Amino acid sequence: MADKEGLVLTTKQRKRSKRRAPWRKVAERFGISVKTLDRWARRGIVDPPVKINKRKYGDPDAEPRLDVA
């Protein structure tokens, strides 16, 4: 399989996706509770979690938006 530039991609390169961390770990990183992180996601301060098998995962490197009031 080739990408837009015509380079051939290996299977490992095609399957690699964004890093995800458990929602609790994301909350710990900010020093807040999971409930607060859920509220922030609802208000748009952080990206909403990705749900996989009824578990929530978020981007461990994302920063909260400070321009949302």
C-alpha atoms as a PDB file:
ATOM      1  CA  MET A   1       0.000   0.000   0.000  1.00  0.00           C
ATOM      2  CA  ALA A   2       1.340   3.453  -0.893  1.00  0.00           C
ATOM      3  CA  ASP A   3       0.769   6.807   0.764  1.00  0.00           C
ATOM      4  CA  LYS A   4       0.099  10.133  -0.989  1.00  0.00           C
ATOM      5  CA  GLU A   5       3.738  10.617  -1.992  1.00  0.00           C
ATOM      6  CA  GLY A   6       3.912   7.128  -3.483  1.00  0.00           C
ATOM      7  CA  LEU A   7       6.045   5.691  -0.680  1.00  0.00           C
ATOM      8  CA  VAL A   8       5.334   2.123   0.326  1.00  0.00           C
ATOM      9  CA  LEU A   9       4.185   1.739   3.917  1.00  0.00           C
ATOM     10  CA  THR A  10       4.864  -1.322   6.024  1.00  0.00           C
ATOM     11  CA  THR A  11       2.088  -3.024   7.973  1.00  0.00           C
ATOM     12  CA  LYS A  12       3.380  -1.620  11.262  1.00  0.00           C
ATOM     13  CA  GLN A  13       3.309   1.938   9.894  1.00  0.00           C
ATOM     14  CA  ARG A  14      -0.271   1.566   8.663  1.00  0.00           C
ATOM     15  CA  LYS A  15      -1.650   0.154  11.918  1.00  0.00           C
ATOM     16  CA  ARG A  16      -0.011   2.675  14.250  1.00  0.00           C
ATOM     17  CA  SER A  17      -2.528   5.151  15.621  1.00  0.00           C
ATOM     18  CA  LYS A  18      -2.535   7.924  18.204  1.00  0.00           C
ATOM     19  CA  ARG A  19      -1.306   7.124  21.672  1.00  0.00           C
ATOM     20  CA  ARG A  20      -4.023   6.716  24.252  1.00  0.00           C
ATOM     21  CA  ALA A  21      -3.935   6.564  28.030  1.00  0.00           C
ATOM     22  CA  PRO A  22      -6.659   5.442  30.415  1.00  0.00           C
ATOM     23  CA  TRP A  23      -8.964   8.312  31.353  1.00  0.00           C
ATOM     24  CA  ARG A  24      -7.905   8.012  35.012  1.00  0.00           C
ATOM     25  CA  LYS A  25      -4.236   8.502  34.070  1.00  0.00           C
ATOM     26  CA  VAL A  26      -5.141  11.616  32.079  1.00  0.00           C
ATOM     27  CA  ALA A  27      -6.985  12.967  35.133  1.00  0.00           C
ATOM     28  CA  GLU A  28      -3.997  12.199  37.381  1.00  0.00           C
ATOM     29  CA  ARG A  29      -1.722  14.065  34.991  1.00  0.00           C
ATOM     30  CA  PHE A  30      -3.802  17.235  35.519  1.00  0.00           C
ATOM     31  CA  GLY A  31      -4.195  16.578  39.251  1.00  0.00           C
ATOM     32  CA  ILE A  32      -7.993  16.403  39.066  1.00  0.00           C
ATOM     33  CA  SER A  33     -10.690  13.775  39.550  1.00  0.00           C
ATOM     34  CA  VAL A  34     -12.173  11.727  36.722  1.00  0.00           C
ATOM     35  CA  LYS A  35     -15.537  13.442  37.274  1.00  0.00           C
ATOM     36  CA  THR A  36     -13.911  16.865  36.769  1.00  0.00           C
ATOM     37  CA  LEU A  37     -12.239  15.588  33.602  1.00  0.00           C
ATOM     38  CA  ASP A  38     -15.659  14.395  32.370  1.00  0.00           C
ATOM     39  CA  ARG A  39     -17.044  17.887  33.018  1.00  0.00           C
ATOM     40  CA  TRP A  40     -14.121  19.477  31.183  1.00  0.00           C
ATOM     41  CA  ALA A  41     -14.769  17.184  28.202  1.00  0.00           C
ATOM     42  CA  ARG A  42     -18.453  18.172  28.197  1.00  0.00           C
ATOM     43  CA  ARG A  43     -17.520  21.880  28.233  1.00  0.00           C
ATOM     44  CA  GLY A  44     -14.881  21.464  25.506  1.00  0.00           C
ATOM     45  CA  ILE A  45     -11.844  22.223  27.671  1.00  0.00           C
ATOM     46  CA  VAL A  46     -10.291  18.846  26.782  1.00  0.00           C
ATOM     47  CA  ASP A  47     -11.039  16.483  23.916  1.00  0.00           C
ATOM     48  CA  PRO A  48     -13.737  13.921  24.714  1.00  0.00           C
ATOM     49  CA  PRO A  49     -12.520  10.404  25.496  1.00  0.00           C
ATOM     50  CA  VAL A  50     -12.382   7.593  22.983  1.00  0.00           C
ATOM     51  CA  LYS A  51     -14.447   4.647  24.199  1.00  0.00           C
ATOM     52  CA  ILE A  52     -13.036   1.182  23.590  1.00  0.00           C
ATOM     53  CA  ASN A  53     -14.852  -1.804  25.147  1.00  0.00           C
ATOM     54  CA  LYS A  54     -16.756   0.515  27.505  1.00  0.00           C
ATOM     55  CA  ARG A  55     -13.498   2.039  28.786  1.00  0.00           C
ATOM     56  CA  LYS A  56     -12.466   5.651  28.300  1.00  0.00           C
ATOM     57  CA  TYR A  57      -9.109   6.648  26.830  1.00  0.00           C
ATOM     58  CA  GLY A  58      -7.664  10.076  26.188  1.00  0.00           C
ATOM     59  CA  ASP A  59      -4.622  11.696  24.630  1.00  0.00           C
ATOM     60  CA  PRO A  60      -1.908  11.731  27.313  1.00  0.00           C
ATOM     61  CA  ASP A  61      -0.099  14.688  25.738  1.00  0.00           C
ATOM     62  CA  ALA A  62      -3.102  16.974  25.189  1.00  0.00           C
ATOM     63  CA  GLU A  63      -3.235  20.259  27.053  1.00  0.00           C
ATOM     64  CA  PRO A  64      -6.497  21.781  28.300  1.00  0.00           C
ATOM     65  CA  ARG A  65      -7.839  24.746  26.341  1.00  0.00           C
ATOM     66  CA  LEU A  66      -7.581  27.830  28.495  1.00  0.00           C
ATOM     67  CA  ASP A  67      -9.714  30.033  26.237  1.00  0.00           C
ATOM     68  CA  VAL A  68     -12.954  28.193  27.128  1.00  0.00           C
ATOM     69  CA  ALA A  69     -14.839  29.842  29.975  1.00  0.00           C
END
